[in-house]
């Protein structure tokens, strides 16, 4: 016996039954799936005497649909060895007038009984188990970052339901940290947790007042990645992006440092004009004579910059003196929320004269 969703032409074969006495199968389908039943019976030895198909609610419920046919030997004593059905005749028999359809809004059973001319009976019983919808939720914070920044995905799915994220993203306890180089759309797909032996069907449009639940639910979010802003410059100034490296020798606070200097820049008048924070976290710049141990203490020669914030002339002077000459080492601490992993690099943009 085959079954197929009414909104597509192909069929799904439940199984064939050749065991003596009969077979029983369970099919998992989303609630309100409508299934059309068609069948083929073969007995090339003893012929096919009677075929009866009963559709009922549950295993012992009242029959909702019954179809039956009885064959007799022809004038030559021959009996049919094969019988196919595709529908009913509106009079309790098989025919072509109306498709045989069941709707899996509750547990439904289709029972096929076949008796041959030796009065041996074989059964094929298929129980349709309905499942309710799976749930899915996906959000991202923030929805926009600079290149090199990071965002956090929050993933939700029905208990025990398998899910996947495209592009592939590893999650831990329903969260993931992502840092794509370009604008990226993330799609979460949650599947109905059917047993491995199940067959699931797509759904046709629901009838009035019904809710059809798909076998999978998807949610999507988009993370916009902006290129870093180009520092404002005039013919006498230039911009440079510096990636501060982690310092492994810290005692109290983690720090990131990197020397900044342009070859041949020892001439009089070359100086730093501004520093902009391009990192995903607020940072605290470390001034002359200070170390990472002085971060977050609110003292002099320490300047905190939020994301994309730029130093003022006064702040720069408090860090490195006036003028803020280079070459020099640029150092910073980062304000990292509890539970976040420290970034490998901190990125700043430096505007300078040359």
Protein backbone atom coordinates (compact mmCIF):
# COMPACT_ATOMS: atom_id res chain seq x y z
CA UNK A 1 0.00 0.00 0.00
CA UNK A 2 1.25 3.46 -0.90
CA UNK A 3 0.28 6.85 0.41
CA UNK A 4 0.98 10.34 -0.81
CA UNK A 5 0.26 13.90 0.21
CA UNK A 6 -2.47 15.42 -1.93
CA UNK A 7 -0.38 18.38 -3.04
CA UNK A 8 2.16 16.38 -5.02
CA UNK A 9 2.04 13.66 -7.64
CA UNK A 10 4.64 11.24 -6.31
CA UNK A 11 3.86 8.63 -3.64
CA UNK A 12 5.61 7.28 -0.56
CA UNK A 13 5.61 3.49 -0.24
CA UNK A 14 4.71 2.48 3.31
CA UNK A 15 5.87 -1.07 2.78
CA UNK A 16 4.90 -4.33 1.18
CA UNK A 17 3.72 -7.18 3.36
CA UNK A 18 4.61 -10.78 2.50
CA UNK A 19 4.67 -12.20 6.04
CA UNK A 20 2.14 -14.88 6.84
CA UNK A 21 -0.67 -13.38 8.89
CA UNK A 22 0.13 -9.75 8.13
CA UNK A 23 2.23 -6.69 8.92
CA UNK A 24 1.84 -3.49 10.92
CA UNK A 25 3.57 -0.15 10.44
CA UNK A 26 3.54 3.26 12.08
CA UNK A 27 3.80 6.47 10.09
CA UNK A 28 4.60 9.80 11.73
CA UNK A 29 2.99 12.80 10.05
CA UNK A 30 2.41 16.39 11.02
CA UNK A 31 -1.07 17.06 12.34
CA UNK A 32 -3.77 17.61 9.68
CA UNK A 33 -1.67 16.00 6.95
CA UNK A 34 -4.09 14.60 4.33
CA UNK A 35 -3.03 11.26 2.87
CA UNK A 36 -4.39 9.47 -0.20
CA UNK A 37 -4.33 5.66 -0.08
CA UNK A 38 -3.74 3.48 -3.13
CA UNK A 39 -2.81 -0.19 -3.18
CA UNK A 40 -1.77 -3.29 -5.06
CA UNK A 41 -2.43 -6.91 -4.00
CA UNK A 42 -0.84 -9.95 -5.64
CA UNK A 43 -1.48 -13.68 -5.05
CA UNK A 44 -0.37 -15.69 -8.05
CA UNK A 45 -0.98 -19.05 -6.32
CA UNK A 46 -4.45 -19.01 -4.74
CA UNK A 47 -5.92 -15.86 -6.30
CA UNK A 48 -7.62 -12.93 -4.62
CA UNK A 49 -11.08 -13.59 -3.23
CA UNK A 50 -11.91 -10.56 -1.07
CA UNK A 51 -10.26 -7.20 -0.38
CA UNK A 52 -11.45 -4.94 2.41
CA UNK A 53 -10.02 -1.54 3.41
CA UNK A 54 -11.17 0.11 6.65
CA UNK A 55 -10.18 3.58 7.86
CA UNK A 56 -10.94 4.34 11.50
CA UNK A 57 -9.94 6.70 14.29
CA UNK A 58 -7.36 4.84 16.43
CA UNK A 59 -7.06 1.07 16.66
CA UNK A 60 -10.53 0.35 18.03
CA UNK A 61 -12.58 3.30 16.88
CA UNK A 62 -15.69 3.29 14.78
CA UNK A 63 -14.99 2.79 11.06
CA UNK A 64 -15.05 6.08 9.16
CA UNK A 65 -14.61 4.61 5.68
CA UNK A 66 -15.02 1.05 4.41
CA UNK A 67 -14.33 -0.29 0.92
CA UNK A 68 -14.78 -3.92 -0.14
CA UNK A 69 -14.77 -6.15 -3.20
CA UNK A 70 -15.45 -9.88 -3.62
CA UNK A 71 -14.31 -11.88 -6.64
CA UNK A 72 -15.69 -15.18 -8.02
CA UNK A 73 -14.16 -17.57 -10.54
CA UNK A 74 -14.99 -16.80 -14.16
CA UNK A 75 -16.62 -19.23 -16.63
CA UNK A 76 -13.27 -20.95 -17.09
CA UNK A 77 -12.73 -21.28 -13.34
CA UNK A 78 -9.97 -18.66 -13.33
CA UNK A 79 -9.61 -16.21 -10.45
CA UNK A 80 -7.80 -12.81 -10.35
CA UNK A 81 -4.17 -12.98 -9.19
CA UNK A 82 -3.73 -9.20 -8.92
CA UNK A 83 -5.92 -6.33 -7.76
CA UNK A 84 -5.22 -2.60 -7.62
CA UNK A 85 -7.23 0.21 -6.08
CA UNK A 86 -6.94 3.97 -6.48
CA UNK A 87 -10.25 5.16 -5.04
CA UNK A 88 -13.85 4.32 -4.15
CA UNK A 89 -17.17 4.18 -5.99
CA UNK A 90 -19.31 6.03 -3.37
CA UNK A 91 -21.19 2.77 -2.72
CA UNK A 92 -18.80 0.99 -0.37
CA UNK A 93 -16.72 -0.54 -3.12
CA UNK A 94 -13.46 0.29 -4.88
CA UNK A 95 -13.58 2.42 -8.00
CA UNK A 96 -12.48 5.66 -9.64
CA UNK A 97 -15.19 8.08 -8.48
CA UNK A 98 -13.53 9.43 -5.37
CA UNK A 99 -9.98 9.19 -3.93
CA UNK A 100 -9.58 7.38 -0.62
CA UNK A 101 -8.28 10.06 1.76
CA UNK A 102 -7.62 10.17 5.49
CA UNK A 103 -6.63 13.17 7.57
CA UNK A 104 -4.15 12.70 10.41
CA UNK A 105 -5.76 15.13 12.86
CA UNK A 106 -5.81 12.30 15.43
CA UNK A 107 -4.40 8.78 15.53
CA UNK A 108 -5.78 7.15 12.39
CA UNK A 109 -5.60 3.53 11.26
CA UNK A 110 -5.86 2.09 7.75
CA UNK A 111 -6.45 -1.69 7.78
CA UNK A 112 -6.25 -3.75 4.59
CA UNK A 113 -7.62 -7.34 4.79
CA UNK A 114 -7.05 -9.73 1.86
CA UNK A 115 -8.41 -13.29 1.66
CA UNK A 116 -7.50 -15.74 -1.11
CA UNK A 117 -9.50 -18.66 -2.50
CA UNK A 118 -7.87 -21.01 0.03
CA UNK A 119 -9.48 -18.79 2.70
CA UNK A 120 -6.12 -17.57 4.02
CA UNK A 121 -6.24 -13.95 5.21
CA UNK A 122 -3.39 -11.46 5.32
CA UNK A 123 -3.50 -8.04 6.99
CA UNK A 124 -1.65 -4.78 6.44
CA UNK A 125 -2.26 -2.27 9.23
CA UNK A 126 -0.87 1.27 9.06
CA UNK A 127 -1.29 3.66 11.99
CA UNK A 128 -0.79 7.39 11.32
CA UNK A 129 0.57 9.24 14.38
CA UNK A 130 0.07 13.03 14.26
CA UNK A 131 2.69 15.43 15.63
CA UNK A 132 2.30 19.05 16.67
CA UNK A 133 4.51 21.84 15.29
CA UNK A 134 8.10 22.45 16.22
CA UNK A 135 9.10 25.91 17.43
CA UNK A 136 12.14 27.94 16.43
CA UNK A 137 13.55 31.32 17.44
CA UNK A 138 16.68 33.14 16.31
CA UNK A 139 17.97 36.58 17.23
CA UNK A 140 21.27 38.42 16.90
CA UNK A 141 22.77 41.22 19.01
CA UNK A 142 23.86 43.63 17.74
CA UNK A 143 22.46 43.51 14.22
CA UNK A 144 25.32 45.61 12.82
CA UNK A 145 29.07 45.44 13.47
CA UNK A 146 32.31 46.77 12.05
CA UNK A 147 34.80 44.48 10.34
CA UNK A 148 36.55 42.52 13.08
CA UNK A 149 33.63 42.93 15.48
CA UNK A 150 31.49 40.18 16.98
CA UNK A 151 27.78 39.54 17.53
CA UNK A 152 25.86 36.99 19.58
CA UNK A 153 23.27 34.57 18.18
CA UNK A 154 20.51 33.33 20.51
CA UNK A 155 18.99 30.03 19.30
CA UNK A 156 15.75 28.43 20.48
CA UNK A 157 14.18 25.11 19.38
CA UNK A 158 11.61 22.59 20.54
CA UNK A 159 12.96 20.09 23.10
CA UNK A 160 14.57 17.02 21.50
CA UNK A 161 14.13 18.51 18.01
CA UNK A 162 17.24 18.40 15.78
CA UNK A 163 18.27 21.74 14.31
CA UNK A 164 20.89 23.22 12.03
CA UNK A 165 22.22 26.70 11.27
CA UNK A 166 23.31 27.89 7.84
CA UNK A 167 26.10 28.87 7.47
CA UNK A 168 27.28 26.15 9.89
CA UNK A 169 27.69 27.69 13.34
CA UNK A 170 28.64 25.93 16.57
CA UNK A 171 26.37 26.73 19.53
CA UNK A 172 26.79 26.24 23.25
CA UNK A 173 23.73 26.29 25.53
CA UNK A 174 21.71 28.03 22.85
CA UNK A 175 24.18 30.81 22.03
CA UNK A 176 26.97 31.41 19.54
CA UNK A 177 29.46 34.20 18.90
CA UNK A 178 29.94 35.09 15.25
CA UNK A 179 32.38 37.44 13.54
CA UNK A 180 31.92 37.26 9.75
CA UNK A 181 33.99 39.36 7.40
CA UNK A 182 30.96 40.36 5.31
CA UNK A 183 27.21 40.81 5.79
CA UNK A 184 25.78 37.35 6.52
CA UNK A 185 22.29 35.85 6.74
CA UNK A 186 21.91 33.12 9.37
CA UNK A 187 19.06 30.62 8.97
CA UNK A 188 17.91 28.24 11.70
CA UNK A 189 16.01 25.08 10.66
CA UNK A 190 14.28 22.97 13.31
CA UNK A 191 13.07 19.52 12.22
CA UNK A 192 10.19 17.48 13.59
CA UNK A 193 11.79 14.87 15.93
CA UNK A 194 10.34 11.86 14.11
CA UNK A 195 11.80 8.42 14.84
CA UNK A 196 14.29 7.23 12.25
CA UNK A 197 11.76 4.76 10.81
CA UNK A 198 9.19 7.45 10.13
CA UNK A 199 7.79 8.89 6.95
CA UNK A 200 6.82 12.56 6.92
CA UNK A 201 4.62 14.27 4.36
CA UNK A 202 4.29 17.86 3.17
CA UNK A 203 0.96 19.52 3.72
CA UNK A 204 -1.65 20.86 1.27
CA UNK A 205 -3.40 24.16 2.05
CA UNK A 206 -5.56 23.66 5.15
CA UNK A 207 -9.32 23.58 5.05
CA UNK A 208 -11.21 26.42 6.71
CA UNK A 209 -10.66 26.44 10.45
CA UNK A 210 -7.72 24.03 10.38
CA UNK A 211 -4.07 24.65 11.15
CA UNK A 212 -1.48 22.74 9.16
CA UNK A 213 1.88 22.21 10.82
CA UNK A 214 4.96 21.74 8.62
CA UNK A 215 7.63 19.12 9.28
CA UNK A 216 10.23 21.86 9.77
CA UNK A 217 10.31 25.50 10.91
CA UNK A 218 12.89 28.09 9.85
CA UNK A 219 13.91 31.49 11.18
CA UNK A 220 16.47 33.90 9.70
CA UNK A 221 18.40 36.96 10.85
CA UNK A 222 20.93 39.11 9.03
CA UNK A 223 24.12 40.54 10.51
CA UNK A 224 25.31 43.63 8.66
CA UNK A 225 29.08 44.10 8.58
CA UNK A 226 30.25 47.64 7.86
CA UNK A 227 33.75 48.43 6.65
CA UNK A 228 35.75 50.47 9.15
CA UNK A 229 35.39 54.22 8.67
CA UNK A 230 38.21 56.03 6.98
CA UNK A 231 39.67 58.68 9.32
CA UNK A 232 39.08 62.23 8.13
CA UNK A 233 42.28 63.62 6.69
CA UNK A 234 43.64 66.66 4.98
CA UNK A 235 46.72 66.87 2.72
CA UNK A 236 48.92 67.10 5.83
CA UNK A 237 47.45 64.11 7.71
CA UNK A 238 47.26 60.36 7.15
CA UNK A 239 45.38 57.41 8.65
CA UNK A 240 46.62 54.02 9.76
CA UNK A 241 44.81 51.00 11.26
CA UNK A 242 46.77 49.33 14.04
CA UNK A 243 45.97 45.86 15.41
CA UNK A 244 47.11 45.68 19.03
CA UNK A 245 48.52 42.31 20.06
CA UNK A 246 47.71 40.56 23.38
CA UNK A 247 50.26 40.94 26.19
CA UNK A 248 50.88 37.66 28.00
CA UNK A 249 52.73 39.20 30.93
CA UNK A 250 49.84 41.02 32.62
CA UNK A 251 49.28 40.69 36.37
CA UNK A 252 45.86 42.26 37.07
CA UNK A 253 44.22 43.31 33.80
CA UNK A 254 44.67 41.86 30.32
CA UNK A 255 46.28 44.27 27.86
CA UNK A 256 47.00 44.67 24.14
CA UNK A 257 50.03 46.57 22.77
CA UNK A 258 51.84 47.37 19.52
CA UNK A 259 54.53 49.92 18.59
CA UNK A 260 53.41 52.61 16.16
CA UNK A 261 55.92 54.37 13.98
CA UNK A 262 56.46 55.30 10.34
CA UNK A 263 59.96 54.75 8.88
CA UNK A 264 61.81 58.06 8.73
CA UNK A 265 59.34 59.74 11.11
CA UNK A 266 61.89 61.20 13.50
CA UNK A 267 61.63 64.64 11.90
CA UNK A 268 60.29 67.54 13.96
CA UNK A 269 56.52 68.01 13.89
CA UNK A 270 55.35 64.45 13.26
CA UNK A 271 52.69 63.59 15.82
CA UNK A 272 49.54 61.60 16.54
CA UNK A 273 46.39 63.66 16.08
CA UNK A 274 43.69 61.19 17.18
CA UNK A 275 43.00 57.53 18.05
CA UNK A 276 39.67 55.86 17.21
CA UNK A 277 38.43 52.59 18.77
CA UNK A 278 37.43 50.09 16.04
CA UNK A 279 37.16 47.12 18.42
CA UNK A 280 33.87 45.40 19.38
CA UNK A 281 34.31 46.44 23.04
CA UNK A 282 35.03 49.71 24.85
CA UNK A 283 38.75 50.13 25.50
CA UNK A 284 40.91 52.11 27.92
CA UNK A 285 44.06 53.60 26.43
CA UNK A 286 47.19 53.44 28.60
CA UNK A 287 49.20 56.63 28.84
CA UNK A 288 52.82 57.50 29.63
CA UNK A 289 54.15 55.81 32.76
CA UNK A 290 51.08 53.60 33.19
CA UNK A 291 50.53 49.82 32.91
CA UNK A 292 47.57 47.48 32.63
CA UNK A 293 47.41 47.47 36.44
CA UNK A 294 46.20 51.08 36.21
CA UNK A 295 43.23 50.23 33.94
CA UNK A 296 39.73 50.89 35.25
CA UNK A 297 41.03 52.92 38.23
CA UNK A 298 39.92 56.27 36.85
CA UNK A 299 43.38 57.85 37.17
CA UNK A 300 45.19 60.35 34.96
CA UNK A 301 46.87 59.31 31.71
CA UNK A 302 44.09 56.76 31.13
CA UNK A 303 41.34 57.45 28.55
CA UNK A 304 38.27 55.25 27.96
CA UNK A 305 36.82 55.06 24.44
CA UNK A 306 33.48 53.47 23.54
CA UNK A 307 33.01 51.59 20.27
CA UNK A 308 33.89 53.93 17.34
CA UNK A 309 34.70 56.76 19.77
CA UNK A 310 37.71 59.03 19.02
CA UNK A 311 40.05 60.84 21.40
CA UNK A 312 39.82 64.58 21.80
CA UNK A 313 42.94 66.75 21.70
CA UNK A 314 42.77 67.11 25.49
CA UNK A 315 42.51 63.35 26.04
CA UNK A 316 45.41 62.69 23.69
CA UNK A 317 47.55 65.24 25.53
CA UNK A 318 46.74 63.58 28.86
CA UNK A 319 47.92 60.24 27.45
CA UNK A 320 51.13 61.15 25.65
CA UNK A 321 51.80 64.83 26.27
CA UNK A 322 51.42 67.73 23.87
CA UNK A 323 52.42 67.17 21.15
CA UNK A 324 51.83 63.37 21.13
CA UNK A 325 54.93 62.39 19.23
CA UNK A 326 55.71 59.02 17.69
CA UNK A 327 57.15 56.41 17.29
CA UNK A 328 55.66 55.06 20.50
CA UNK A 329 53.87 51.96 21.81
CA UNK A 330 50.08 52.09 21.82
CA UNK A 331 48.53 50.05 24.65
CA UNK A 332 44.98 49.43 25.84
CA UNK A 333 42.75 47.31 28.09
CA UNK A 334 39.30 46.13 26.97
CA UNK A 335 35.97 46.27 28.81
CA UNK A 336 34.75 42.71 28.21
CA UNK A 337 31.29 41.61 29.48
CA UNK A 338 31.26 38.64 31.89
CA UNK A 339 31.19 35.35 30.01
CA UNK A 340 32.66 36.75 26.76
CA UNK A 341 35.96 35.44 25.46
CA UNK A 342 38.67 38.13 25.17
CA UNK A 343 39.33 39.05 21.53
CA UNK A 344 42.63 38.07 19.96
CA UNK A 345 43.25 41.57 18.61
CA UNK A 346 42.11 45.11 19.42
CA UNK A 347 41.85 47.39 16.41
CA UNK A 348 42.36 51.16 16.47
CA UNK A 349 42.64 53.80 13.74
CA UNK A 350 45.37 56.42 14.16
CA UNK A 351 45.34 59.81 12.47
CA UNK A 352 48.80 61.37 12.32
CA UNK A 353 50.86 64.00 10.58
CA UNK A 354 53.70 63.18 8.24
